[in-house]
Amino acid sequence: MSSHNREPAATAREELGDITEQIAELGTMTAGELRDKYLEVYGEPTRSRNKIYLQKKIAWQIQALAEGGLSQRALDRIEELAPLAPLRWRPRLKNIEIPLPPTTRGKKTKKRDSRLPPPGAVITKEHKGMLHQVTVVDDGFEYAGDCYASLSKVARVIAGTSWNGFAFFGLRNKDAR
């Protein structure tokens, strides 16, 4: 029987040799050797230097090449669910904006901390002889012309060290305002 009539998995199996031996070899390779092997089996370089991650990823690809990988049904389902996957799991695509799933659009569901004064309020703090004023805005805090996501970040800018923002500005209790 010619190689034209055989299924691709059988051809790949012959080309790859014994899968078990190849996977066992991965355990003896250095990170640099694993990066070379990754390039060999995936056809593109990796940025990872984590040996265990590379061993698992390469072993999976060796098996996928030899046995045929995921079924078309599984690939179709992955494609269907991809827009709902967290951004860090999605492939990096340049100049393409991936819309957020409908569940994350619209109003924020994050509940506002009850210790915070309402937007527009000004929090003052005297530190090392200087009076600092922080304006509460809808999505964070404004201090010295810059916007910050948390009071702790503002406190770090003012004090130069890490602080709990509520403690630094005296907002630990609701009554402290």
Protein backbone atom coordinates (compact mmCIF):
# COMPACT_ATOMS: atom_id res chain seq x y z
CA MET A 1 0.00 0.00 0.00
CA SER A 2 1.43 3.39 -0.97
CA SER A 3 1.78 6.25 1.50
CA HIS A 4 -0.85 8.20 -0.51
CA ASN A 5 -3.62 5.81 0.57
CA ARG A 6 -2.75 5.66 4.27
CA GLU A 7 -4.31 7.94 6.82
CA PRO A 8 -2.25 10.95 8.02
CA ALA A 9 -2.05 9.62 11.60
CA ALA A 10 -0.30 6.45 10.43
CA THR A 11 2.22 8.46 8.42
CA ALA A 12 2.84 10.77 11.37
CA ARG A 13 3.27 7.76 13.65
CA GLU A 14 6.02 6.40 11.42
CA GLU A 15 7.75 9.77 11.14
CA LEU A 16 7.68 10.36 14.87
CA GLY A 17 8.84 6.90 15.82
CA ASP A 18 7.97 5.49 19.19
CA ILE A 19 5.86 8.03 21.09
CA THR A 20 6.67 6.53 24.47
CA GLU A 21 10.41 6.87 23.92
CA GLN A 22 10.11 10.46 22.73
CA ILE A 23 8.04 11.46 25.72
CA ALA A 24 10.45 9.71 28.10
CA GLU A 25 13.34 11.66 26.52
CA LEU A 26 11.63 14.92 27.46
CA GLY A 27 12.33 14.20 31.13
CA THR A 28 16.09 14.24 30.54
CA MET A 29 16.22 17.42 28.43
CA THR A 30 17.37 20.83 29.60
CA ALA A 31 15.17 23.89 29.17
CA GLY A 32 17.16 24.91 26.10
CA GLU A 33 16.77 21.50 24.51
CA LEU A 34 13.04 21.57 25.29
CA ARG A 35 12.76 24.96 23.57
CA ASP A 36 14.45 23.45 20.48
CA LYS A 37 12.11 20.45 20.59
CA TYR A 38 9.13 22.81 20.93
CA LEU A 39 10.25 24.60 17.77
CA GLU A 40 10.57 21.22 16.04
CA VAL A 41 7.08 19.93 16.94
CA TYR A 42 5.10 23.20 16.80
CA GLY A 43 7.01 24.96 14.02
CA GLU A 44 7.30 28.17 16.04
CA PRO A 45 9.47 29.28 18.96
CA THR A 46 8.26 29.53 22.54
CA ARG A 47 8.99 32.25 25.09
CA SER A 48 8.64 29.85 28.00
CA ARG A 49 11.62 28.50 29.92
CA ASN A 50 9.53 26.45 32.35
CA LYS A 51 10.68 22.84 31.94
CA ILE A 52 7.54 21.17 33.28
CA TYR A 53 5.26 23.31 31.14
CA LEU A 54 7.36 22.64 28.04
CA GLN A 55 7.49 18.89 28.76
CA LYS A 56 3.70 18.71 29.03
CA LYS A 57 3.06 20.90 26.01
CA ILE A 58 5.53 18.99 23.81
CA ALA A 59 4.26 15.61 24.99
CA TRP A 60 0.71 16.63 24.12
CA GLN A 61 1.75 17.78 20.65
CA ILE A 62 3.74 14.60 19.97
CA GLN A 63 0.67 12.54 20.87
CA ALA A 64 -1.64 14.81 18.87
CA LEU A 65 0.55 14.49 15.78
CA ALA A 66 0.70 10.72 16.13
CA GLU A 67 -2.93 10.08 17.08
CA GLY A 68 -4.69 12.85 15.23
CA GLY A 69 -5.33 15.48 17.94
CA LEU A 70 -8.74 16.82 18.86
CA SER A 71 -11.82 15.81 16.90
CA GLN A 72 -13.43 18.30 14.56
CA ARG A 73 -16.44 18.38 16.89
CA ALA A 74 -14.20 19.43 19.80
CA LEU A 75 -12.47 22.09 17.66
CA ASP A 76 -15.84 23.47 16.55
CA ARG A 77 -17.03 23.64 20.17
CA ILE A 78 -13.85 25.46 21.23
CA GLU A 79 -14.37 27.98 18.44
CA GLU A 80 -17.98 28.44 19.53
CA LEU A 81 -16.97 29.11 23.15
CA ALA A 82 -13.87 31.21 22.39
CA PRO A 83 -15.59 34.62 22.72
CA LEU A 84 -16.56 33.69 26.28
CA ALA A 85 -13.00 32.71 27.29
CA PRO A 86 -10.98 35.09 29.45
CA LEU A 87 -8.72 37.38 27.41
CA ARG A 88 -5.53 35.75 28.67
CA TRP A 89 -6.65 32.41 27.15
CA ARG A 90 -7.37 33.87 23.74
CA PRO A 91 -4.72 33.97 21.03
CA ARG A 92 -2.97 37.29 20.57
CA LEU A 93 -4.32 38.95 17.45
CA LYS A 94 -2.81 42.22 16.28
CA ASN A 95 -5.12 45.04 15.23
CA ILE A 96 -8.25 43.00 15.93
CA GLU A 97 -10.62 43.94 18.71
CA ILE A 98 -12.39 40.97 20.27
CA PRO A 99 -15.77 41.99 21.69
CA LEU A 100 -16.50 41.17 25.30
CA PRO A 101 -19.20 38.64 26.02
CA PRO A 102 -22.64 40.15 26.66
CA THR A 103 -22.50 39.27 30.37
CA THR A 104 -19.69 41.80 30.98
CA ARG A 105 -21.14 44.68 28.98
CA GLY A 106 -23.14 47.48 30.49
CA LYS A 107 -23.07 48.68 34.07
CA LYS A 108 -20.42 47.59 36.50
CA THR A 109 -21.56 44.98 38.98
CA LYS A 110 -18.82 45.78 41.47
CA LYS A 111 -20.35 47.02 44.69
CA ARG A 112 -18.92 50.27 46.00
CA ASP A 113 -17.17 50.05 49.38
CA SER A 114 -19.41 51.58 52.04
CA ARG A 115 -16.39 53.24 53.70
CA LEU A 116 -15.91 55.52 50.69
CA PRO A 117 -17.56 58.92 50.45
CA PRO A 118 -19.68 59.53 47.32
CA PRO A 119 -18.09 60.59 44.00
CA GLY A 120 -17.12 64.25 44.04
CA ALA A 121 -16.15 64.22 47.72
CA VAL A 122 -12.64 65.36 48.65
CA ILE A 123 -10.57 63.36 51.15
CA THR A 124 -7.84 65.32 52.88
CA LYS A 125 -4.74 64.04 54.62
CA GLU A 126 -1.91 65.92 56.27
CA HIS A 127 1.34 64.04 55.86
CA LYS A 128 4.79 65.35 56.80
CA GLY A 129 3.53 68.89 57.07
CA MET A 130 1.76 68.93 53.70
CA LEU A 131 -1.98 68.85 53.07
CA HIS A 132 -2.97 66.35 50.37
CA GLN A 133 -6.40 66.36 48.71
CA VAL A 134 -7.85 63.36 46.90
CA THR A 135 -11.08 63.62 44.91
CA VAL A 136 -13.33 60.56 44.78
CA VAL A 137 -14.48 59.87 41.20
CA ASP A 138 -16.80 57.19 39.78
CA ASP A 139 -14.02 54.78 38.79
CA GLY A 140 -11.27 55.60 41.30
CA PHE A 141 -9.47 58.57 42.78
CA GLU A 142 -7.85 61.73 41.46
CA TYR A 143 -4.75 63.12 43.12
CA ALA A 144 -2.39 65.80 41.84
CA GLY A 145 -3.88 65.59 38.34
CA ASP A 146 -3.49 61.81 38.03
CA CYS A 147 -6.13 59.09 38.32
CA TYR A 148 -5.64 56.01 40.52
CA ALA A 149 -7.69 52.83 40.82
CA SER A 150 -7.33 52.55 44.60
CA LEU A 151 -6.70 54.63 47.68
CA SER A 152 -3.74 52.39 48.47
CA LYS A 153 -2.00 53.53 45.29
CA VAL A 154 -2.58 57.16 46.21
CA ALA A 155 -1.26 56.54 49.73
CA ARG A 156 1.87 54.92 48.27
CA VAL A 157 2.49 57.98 46.08
CA ILE A 158 2.12 60.32 49.04
CA ALA A 159 3.99 58.29 51.69
CA GLY A 160 6.51 56.52 49.45
CA THR A 161 5.73 53.15 51.08
CA SER A 162 2.90 50.65 50.91
CA TRP A 163 -0.17 51.55 52.95
CA ASN A 164 -3.72 50.37 53.29
CA GLY A 165 -5.55 53.30 51.71
CA PHE A 166 -8.42 53.24 54.19
CA ALA A 167 -6.02 53.25 57.13
CA PHE A 168 -3.82 56.01 55.66
CA PHE A 169 -6.78 58.32 55.04
CA GLY A 170 -8.60 57.38 58.26
CA LEU A 171 -11.55 55.71 56.57
CA ARG A 172 -11.45 52.41 58.45
CA ASN A 173 -14.88 52.90 60.01
CA LYS A 174 -18.02 54.35 58.45
CA ASP A 175 -18.10 56.88 61.30
CA ALA A 176 -14.51 58.03 60.63
CA ARG A 177 -15.65 60.18 57.71
